[in-house]
C-alpha atoms as a PDB file:
ATOM      1  CA  MET A   1       0.000   0.000   0.000  1.00  0.00           C
ATOM      2  CA  PRO A   2       1.613   3.308  -1.018  1.00  0.00           C
ATOM      3  CA  ARG A   3       2.139   5.802   1.776  1.00  0.00           C
ATOM      4  CA  ALA A   4      -0.456   8.545   1.679  1.00  0.00           C
ATOM      5  CA  LYS A   5       0.748  12.086   1.171  1.00  0.00           C
ATOM      6  CA  PHE A   6       0.358  14.377   4.146  1.00  0.00           C
ATOM      7  CA  ASP A   7       0.599  18.134   4.366  1.00  0.00           C
ATOM      8  CA  ARG A   8       3.261  18.692   7.030  1.00  0.00           C
ATOM      9  CA  SER A   9       1.938  22.197   7.642  1.00  0.00           C
ATOM     10  CA  LEU A  10      -1.040  20.528   9.332  1.00  0.00           C
ATOM     11  CA  LEU A  11       1.129  18.924  11.999  1.00  0.00           C
ATOM     12  CA  PRO A  12       0.590  20.316  15.503  1.00  0.00           C
ATOM     13  CA  GLU A  13       3.481  21.860  17.409  1.00  0.00           C
ATOM     14  CA  ARG A  14       3.580  18.682  19.467  1.00  0.00           C
ATOM     15  CA  PRO A  15       1.435  15.536  19.581  1.00  0.00           C
ATOM     16  CA  ASP A  16      -1.793  16.114  21.498  1.00  0.00           C
ATOM     17  CA  LEU A  17      -4.994  14.349  22.532  1.00  0.00           C
ATOM     18  CA  SER A  18      -7.270  15.635  19.757  1.00  0.00           C
ATOM     19  CA  PHE A  19      -7.917  12.193  18.281  1.00  0.00           C
ATOM     20  CA  GLU A  20      -8.235  10.572  21.697  1.00  0.00           C
ATOM     21  CA  ARG A  21     -10.732  13.176  22.903  1.00  0.00           C
ATOM     22  CA  GLU A  22     -12.942  12.652  19.878  1.00  0.00           C
ATOM     23  CA  ILE A  23     -13.064   8.913  20.562  1.00  0.00           C
ATOM     24  CA  TRP A  24     -13.597   9.477  24.285  1.00  0.00           C
ATOM     25  CA  ARG A  25     -16.530  11.774  23.518  1.00  0.00           C
ATOM     26  CA  ASN A  26     -18.090   8.968  21.479  1.00  0.00           C
ATOM     27  CA  GLY A  27     -18.082   6.691  24.497  1.00  0.00           C
ATOM     28  CA  ALA A  28     -14.893   4.625  24.224  1.00  0.00           C
ATOM     29  CA  ARG A  29     -12.567   5.077  27.183  1.00  0.00           C
ATOM     30  CA  LEU A  30      -9.743   2.576  26.614  1.00  0.00           C
ATOM     31  CA  VAL A  31      -7.969   3.993  23.565  1.00  0.00           C
ATOM     32  CA  ALA A  32      -4.570   2.476  22.800  1.00  0.00           C
ATOM     33  CA  GLY A  33      -1.829   4.195  20.833  1.00  0.00           C
ATOM     34  CA  VAL A  34       0.404   1.811  18.863  1.00  0.00           C
ATOM     35  CA  ASP A  35       3.760   2.436  17.170  1.00  0.00           C
ATOM     36  CA  GLU A  36       6.846   0.473  16.140  1.00  0.00           C
ATOM     37  CA  ALA A  37      10.621   0.810  16.253  1.00  0.00           C
ATOM     38  CA  GLY A  38      13.390  -0.912  14.327  1.00  0.00           C
ATOM     39  CA  ARG A  39      11.506  -1.570  11.133  1.00  0.00           C
ATOM     40  CA  GLY A  40      14.373  -0.475   8.876  1.00  0.00           C
ATOM     41  CA  ALA A  41      17.309  -1.922  10.816  1.00  0.00           C
ATOM     42  CA  LEU A  42      19.695  -4.587   9.503  1.00  0.00           C
ATOM     43  CA  ALA A  43      19.839  -6.468  12.795  1.00  0.00           C
ATOM     44  CA  GLY A  44      17.739  -7.195  15.849  1.00  0.00           C
ATOM     45  CA  PRO A  45      14.003  -7.410  16.369  1.00  0.00           C
ATOM     46  CA  VAL A  46      11.241  -5.046  15.426  1.00  0.00           C
ATOM     47  CA  SER A  47       9.341  -3.767  18.453  1.00  0.00           C
ATOM     48  CA  ALA A  48       5.888  -2.304  18.956  1.00  0.00           C
ATOM     49  CA  GLY A  49       4.688  -0.240  21.896  1.00  0.00           C
ATOM     50  CA  VAL A  50       1.123   0.120  23.123  1.00  0.00           C
ATOM     51  CA  VAL A  51       0.035   2.874  25.515  1.00  0.00           C
ATOM     52  CA  ILE A  52      -3.424   3.565  26.954  1.00  0.00           C
ATOM     53  CA  LEU A  53      -3.670   7.027  28.469  1.00  0.00           C
ATOM     54  CA  PRO A  54      -6.377   7.933  31.003  1.00  0.00           C
ATOM     55  CA  HIS A  55      -9.321   9.952  29.738  1.00  0.00           C
ATOM     56  CA  ASP A  56      -9.928  11.698  33.067  1.00  0.00           C
ATOM     57  CA  ARG A  57      -6.490  12.747  34.303  1.00  0.00           C
ATOM     58  CA  PRO A  58      -6.162  16.538  34.676  1.00  0.00           C
ATOM     59  CA  GLN A  59      -3.465  18.288  32.675  1.00  0.00           C
ATOM     60  CA  LEU A  60      -2.320  15.075  30.989  1.00  0.00           C
ATOM     61  CA  GLU A  61      -0.902  16.906  27.975  1.00  0.00           C
ATOM     62  CA  GLU A  62       1.155  19.095  30.312  1.00  0.00           C
ATOM     63  CA  ARG A  63       2.360  16.049  32.250  1.00  0.00           C
ATOM     64  CA  LEU A  64       3.606  14.560  28.958  1.00  0.00           C
ATOM     65  CA  ALA A  65       4.660  17.832  27.345  1.00  0.00           C
ATOM     66  CA  GLY A  66       8.104  16.546  26.317  1.00  0.00           C
ATOM     67  CA  VAL A  67       6.850  13.431  24.533  1.00  0.00           C
ATOM     68  CA  ARG A  68       7.431  13.505  20.792  1.00  0.00           C
ATOM     69  CA  ASP A  69       7.952  11.099  17.942  1.00  0.00           C
ATOM     70  CA  SER A  70      10.823   9.082  19.434  1.00  0.00           C
ATOM     71  CA  LYS A  71      13.061   9.804  16.421  1.00  0.00           C
ATOM     72  CA  GLN A  72      12.975  13.503  17.342  1.00  0.00           C
ATOM     73  CA  MET A  73      14.161  12.904  20.912  1.00  0.00           C
ATOM     74  CA  THR A  74      17.645  12.365  22.303  1.00  0.00           C
ATOM     75  CA  PRO A  75      18.377   9.003  23.964  1.00  0.00           C
ATOM     76  CA  ALA A  76      18.473  10.661  27.386  1.00  0.00           C
ATOM     77  CA  ALA A  77      15.144  12.388  26.776  1.00  0.00           C
ATOM     78  CA  ARG A  78      13.553   9.139  25.621  1.00  0.00           C
ATOM     79  CA  GLU A  79      14.753   7.314  28.717  1.00  0.00           C
ATOM     80  CA  GLY A  80      13.468  10.010  31.038  1.00  0.00           C
ATOM     81  CA  TRP A  81      10.107  10.394  29.375  1.00  0.00           C
ATOM     82  CA  ALA A  82       9.624   6.631  29.107  1.00  0.00           C
ATOM     83  CA  GLU A  83       9.413   6.461  32.897  1.00  0.00           C
ATOM     84  CA  ILE A  84       6.974   9.384  33.025  1.00  0.00           C
ATOM     85  CA  ILE A  85       4.806   7.736  30.363  1.00  0.00           C
ATOM     86  CA  LYS A  86       4.665   4.520  32.389  1.00  0.00           C
ATOM     87  CA  GLU A  87       3.733   6.468  35.527  1.00  0.00           C
ATOM     88  CA  ASN A  88       0.851   8.235  33.775  1.00  0.00           C
ATOM     89  CA  ALA A  89      -0.469   5.445  31.549  1.00  0.00           C
ATOM     90  CA  LEU A  90      -3.430   3.279  32.484  1.00  0.00           C
ATOM     91  CA  ALA A  91      -1.640   0.394  30.787  1.00  0.00           C
ATOM     92  CA  TRP A  92       1.325  -0.164  28.494  1.00  0.00           C
ATOM     93  CA  ALA A  93       3.216  -3.012  26.854  1.00  0.00           C
ATOM     94  CA  VAL A  94       5.960  -3.676  24.317  1.00  0.00           C
ATOM     95  CA  GLY A  95       6.013  -6.652  21.939  1.00  0.00           C
ATOM     96  CA  PHE A  96       8.779  -7.963  19.687  1.00  0.00           C
ATOM     97  CA  ALA A  97       9.234 -10.004  16.540  1.00  0.00           C
ATOM     98  CA  SER A  98      12.673 -11.515  16.067  1.00  0.00           C
ATOM     99  CA  SER A  99      15.027 -11.185  13.116  1.00  0.00           C
ATOM    100  CA  THR A 100      14.224 -14.811  12.251  1.00  0.00           C
ATOM    101  CA  GLU A 101      10.509 -13.999  12.170  1.00  0.00           C
ATOM    102  CA  ILE A 102      11.213 -10.928  10.048  1.00  0.00           C
ATOM    103  CA  ASP A 103      13.069 -13.077   7.505  1.00  0.00           C
ATOM    104  CA  ARG A 104      10.336 -15.718   7.512  1.00  0.00           C
ATOM    105  CA  LEU A 105       7.283 -13.445   7.428  1.00  0.00           C
ATOM    106  CA  GLY A 106       8.502 -10.170   5.928  1.00  0.00           C
ATOM    107  CA  ILE A 107       8.908  -6.911   7.792  1.00  0.00           C
ATOM    108  CA  VAL A 108       5.302  -5.692   7.604  1.00  0.00           C
ATOM    109  CA  PRO A 109       3.736  -8.965   8.880  1.00  0.00           C
ATOM    110  CA  ALA A 110       6.445  -9.170  11.554  1.00  0.00           C
ATOM    111  CA  THR A 111       5.693  -5.602  12.647  1.00  0.00           C
ATOM    112  CA  ARG A 112       2.021  -6.520  12.929  1.00  0.00           C
ATOM    113  CA  LEU A 113       3.002  -9.610  14.935  1.00  0.00           C
ATOM    114  CA  ALA A 114       4.981  -7.466  17.398  1.00  0.00           C
ATOM    115  CA  ALA A 115       1.987  -5.136  17.757  1.00  0.00           C
ATOM    116  CA  ARG A 116      -0.414  -8.026  18.347  1.00  0.00           C
ATOM    117  CA  ARG A 117       1.902  -9.434  21.012  1.00  0.00           C
ATOM    118  CA  ALA A 118       1.967  -6.089  22.786  1.00  0.00           C
ATOM    119  CA  LEU A 119      -1.829  -5.800  22.605  1.00  0.00           C
ATOM    120  CA  ASP A 120      -2.236  -9.348  23.881  1.00  0.00           C
ATOM    121  CA  ASP A 121      -0.037  -8.535  26.879  1.00  0.00           C
ATOM    122  CA  LEU A 122      -2.551  -5.975  28.130  1.00  0.00           C
ATOM    123  CA  ASP A 123      -5.164  -7.349  30.515  1.00  0.00           C
ATOM    124  CA  CYS A 124      -7.729  -4.614  29.887  1.00  0.00           C
ATOM    125  CA  GLY A 125     -10.477  -4.462  27.301  1.00  0.00           C
ATOM    126  CA  ILE A 126      -9.218  -2.151  24.556  1.00  0.00           C
ATOM    127  CA  GLU A 127     -12.050  -0.314  22.809  1.00  0.00           C
ATOM    128  CA  HIS A 128     -10.176   1.497  20.018  1.00  0.00           C
ATOM    129  CA  ILE A 129      -6.622   1.789  18.757  1.00  0.00           C
ATOM    130  CA  LEU A 130      -4.802   4.686  17.142  1.00  0.00           C
ATOM    131  CA  ILE A 131      -1.892   3.398  15.078  1.00  0.00           C
ATOM    132  CA  ASP A 132       0.862   5.020  13.057  1.00  0.00           C
ATOM    133  CA  TYR A 133      -0.192   4.237   9.485  1.00  0.00           C
ATOM    134  CA  LEU A 134      -0.453   0.412   9.664  1.00  0.00           C
ATOM    135  CA  ILE A 135      -3.660  -1.607   9.744  1.00  0.00           C
ATOM    136  CA  LEU A 136      -3.813  -4.637  12.032  1.00  0.00           C
ATOM    137  CA  PRO A 137      -6.090  -7.307  10.556  1.00  0.00           C
ATOM    138  CA  ASP A 138      -8.558  -9.457  12.504  1.00  0.00           C
ATOM    139  CA  LEU A 139      -9.079  -7.131  15.459  1.00  0.00           C
ATOM    140  CA  ASN A 140     -12.454  -7.167  17.194  1.00  0.00           C
ATOM    141  CA  PHE A 141     -12.394  -3.438  17.968  1.00  0.00           C
ATOM    142  CA  PRO A 142     -12.080  -0.309  15.787  1.00  0.00           C
ATOM    143  CA  GLN A 143      -8.766   1.112  14.704  1.00  0.00           C
ATOM    144  CA  THR A 144      -7.738   4.428  13.196  1.00  0.00           C
ATOM    145  CA  PRO A 145      -4.495   4.514  11.161  1.00  0.00           C
ATOM    146  CA  LEU A 146      -2.896   7.956  11.075  1.00  0.00           C
ATOM    147  CA  VAL A 147      -0.226   9.195   8.687  1.00  0.00           C
ATOM    148  CA  LYS A 148       2.462  10.837  10.852  1.00  0.00           C
ATOM    149  CA  GLY A 149       0.557   9.506  13.836  1.00  0.00           C
ATOM    150  CA  ASP A 150       3.543   9.776  16.165  1.00  0.00           C
ATOM    151  CA  ALA A 151       3.609  13.537  15.495  1.00  0.00           C
ATOM    152  CA  ARG A 152      -0.156  13.985  15.891  1.00  0.00           C
ATOM    153  CA  SER A 153      -1.406  11.652  18.622  1.00  0.00           C
ATOM    154  CA  LEU A 154       0.057  11.726  22.124  1.00  0.00           C
ATOM    155  CA  SER A 155      -0.861   8.061  22.671  1.00  0.00           C
ATOM    156  CA  ILE A 156       1.004   7.013  19.528  1.00  0.00           C
ATOM    157  CA  ALA A 157       4.001   9.204  20.374  1.00  0.00           C
ATOM    158  CA  ALA A 158       4.131   7.661  23.857  1.00  0.00           C
ATOM    159  CA  ALA A 159       3.999   4.185  22.302  1.00  0.00           C
ATOM    160  CA  SER A 160       6.861   5.119  19.974  1.00  0.00           C
ATOM    161  CA  VAL A 161       9.023   6.136  22.940  1.00  0.00           C
ATOM    162  CA  LEU A 162       8.413   2.856  24.782  1.00  0.00           C
ATOM    163  CA  ALA A 163       8.998   0.793  21.640  1.00  0.00           C
ATOM    164  CA  LYS A 164      12.252   2.623  20.933  1.00  0.00           C
ATOM    165  CA  THR A 165      13.690   2.513  24.461  1.00  0.00           C
ATOM    166  CA  ALA A 166      12.823  -1.183  24.927  1.00  0.00           C
ATOM    167  CA  ARG A 167      14.403  -2.118  21.611  1.00  0.00           C
ATOM    168  CA  ASP A 168      17.484   0.033  22.234  1.00  0.00           C
ATOM    169  CA  ALA A 169      18.036  -1.797  25.535  1.00  0.00           C
ATOM    170  CA  GLN A 170      17.963  -5.119  23.709  1.00  0.00           C
ATOM    171  CA  MET A 171      20.464  -3.874  21.129  1.00  0.00           C
ATOM    172  CA  VAL A 172      22.880  -2.836  23.876  1.00  0.00           C
ATOM    173  CA  GLU A 173      22.678  -6.369  25.283  1.00  0.00           C
ATOM    174  CA  MET A 174      23.255  -7.824  21.802  1.00  0.00           C
ATOM    175  CA  ASP A 175      26.367  -5.686  21.401  1.00  0.00           C
ATOM    176  CA  ALA A 176      27.971  -7.596  24.275  1.00  0.00           C
ATOM    177  CA  LEU A 177      27.040 -10.921  22.676  1.00  0.00           C
ATOM    178  CA  TYR A 178      28.126  -9.939  19.153  1.00  0.00           C
ATOM    179  CA  PRO A 179      31.054  -7.502  19.416  1.00  0.00           C
ATOM    180  CA  GLY A 180      32.425  -5.753  16.380  1.00  0.00           C
ATOM    181  CA  TYR A 181      29.136  -4.607  14.842  1.00  0.00           C
ATOM    182  CA  PHE A 182      28.707  -1.511  17.075  1.00  0.00           C
ATOM    183  CA  LEU A 183      25.113  -2.501  17.870  1.00  0.00           C
ATOM    184  CA  ALA A 184      25.066  -0.474  21.086  1.00  0.00           C
ATOM    185  CA  SER A 185      25.595   2.727  19.114  1.00  0.00           C
ATOM    186  CA  ASN A 186      23.924   2.023  15.749  1.00  0.00           C
ATOM    187  CA  LYS A 187      21.036  -0.035  17.220  1.00  0.00           C
ATOM    188  CA  GLY A 188      21.239  -2.328  14.211  1.00  0.00           C
ATOM    189  CA  TYR A 189      20.806   0.361  11.563  1.00  0.00           C
ATOM    190  CA  ALA A 190      22.905   0.498   8.403  1.00  0.00           C
ATOM    191  CA  THR A 191      25.639   2.935   9.347  1.00  0.00           C
ATOM    192  CA  SER A 192      28.801   2.775   7.265  1.00  0.00           C
ATOM    193  CA  ALA A 193      30.680   1.161  10.166  1.00  0.00           C
ATOM    194  CA  HIS A 194      27.957  -1.444  10.549  1.00  0.00           C
ATOM    195  CA  ARG A 195      27.940  -2.271   6.841  1.00  0.00           C
ATOM    196  CA  GLU A 196      31.740  -2.558   6.830  1.00  0.00           C
ATOM    197  CA  ALA A 197      31.567  -4.896   9.836  1.00  0.00           C
ATOM    198  CA  VAL A 198      29.110  -7.164   8.034  1.00  0.00           C
ATOM    199  CA  THR A 199      31.451  -7.290   5.045  1.00  0.00           C
ATOM    200  CA  LYS A 200      34.472  -8.010   7.246  1.00  0.00           C
ATOM    201  CA  LEU A 201      32.999 -10.330   9.899  1.00  0.00           C
ATOM    202  CA  GLY A 202      29.982 -11.709   8.102  1.00  0.00           C
ATOM    203  CA  PRO A 203      26.490 -11.464   9.584  1.00  0.00           C
ATOM    204  CA  CYS A 204      25.787 -12.577  13.139  1.00  0.00           C
ATOM    205  CA  ALA A 205      22.764 -14.545  14.345  1.00  0.00           C
ATOM    206  CA  GLU A 206      20.766 -11.345  14.874  1.00  0.00           C
ATOM    207  CA  HIS A 207      21.146 -10.001  11.344  1.00  0.00           C
ATOM    208  CA  ARG A 208      18.172 -10.025   9.001  1.00  0.00           C
ATOM    209  CA  CYS A 209      19.207 -12.231   6.095  1.00  0.00           C
ATOM    210  CA  SER A 210      16.454 -10.809   3.889  1.00  0.00           C
ATOM    211  CA  PHE A 211      17.794  -7.242   4.204  1.00  0.00           C
ATOM    212  CA  SER A 212      20.556  -5.716   2.090  1.00  0.00           C
ATOM    213  CA  PRO A 213      23.561  -5.780   2.607  1.00  0.00           C
ATOM    214  CA  VAL A 214      23.142  -8.979   4.616  1.00  0.00           C
ATOM    215  CA  ALA A 215      21.391 -10.676   1.700  1.00  0.00           C
ATOM    216  CA  GLU A 216      24.132  -9.444  -0.608  1.00  0.00           C
ATOM    217  CA  PHE A 217      26.741 -11.064   1.643  1.00  0.00           C
ATOM    218  CA  TYR A 218      25.010 -14.403   1.229  1.00  0.00           C
ATOM    219  CA  GLY A 219      24.471 -13.873  -2.498  1.00  0.00           C
ATOM    220  CA  LEU A 220      20.710 -13.999  -2.071  1.00  0.00           C
ATOM    221  CA  PHE A 221      19.980 -11.125  -4.461  1.00  0.00           C
ATOM    222  CA  PRO A 222      19.934 -12.163  -8.121  1.00  0.00           C
ATOM    223  CA  PRO A 223      22.409 -10.359 -10.393  1.00  0.00           C
ATOM    224  CA  LYS A 224      21.113  -7.357 -12.251  1.00  0.00           C
ATOM    225  CA  LYS A 225      20.516  -7.566 -15.988  1.00  0.00           C
ATOM    226  CA  GLY A 226      23.726  -7.226 -17.948  1.00  0.00           C
ATOM    227  CA  GLU A 227      25.939  -8.466 -15.098  1.00  0.00           C
END
């Protein structure tokens, strides 16, 4: 499905509760924001965060005023705000799909699997989800996919922060198990140093064999015409 175009001038200064309030006014109270992290990395899992914010907590937007799309935050800011999100959320969870599952299923189905695992970890009856662009099939409650959702919905932005910090922690642990790939600093993404390490050392067990340049290392991509 091609990504829909979105007028960036319509983005709010920071993610807010506009979408959540509209759903709350229509009677649903347990609205979950969902977002992923690690979708484009060469190594490690993809993660998905789920956050349900309370509909009746005073000044909730002010309490979470520093929460943004996780990619726009420094690591220290993400770590600090992750704890504040957990303190203010009614419920939260993070799910993962492994690099092996990514290779077997494809990145989009694996991302959906991580999201479903996070949703299944919650022991409350979700009534609606707000999700950053994806659609999750076979849910028994409504969902609203939002282009640039992590910049527009506070619930989605909060989910992005938890997904990112949880995955980053796993990548730091993997760096100790698989030295030489700089996973603690690049978090599995295709930096030049990471790509050079794959060429020099070969992929490790956490690399995604279906992703370039890992697939190229194994000769899994067919040669281009004329080669």
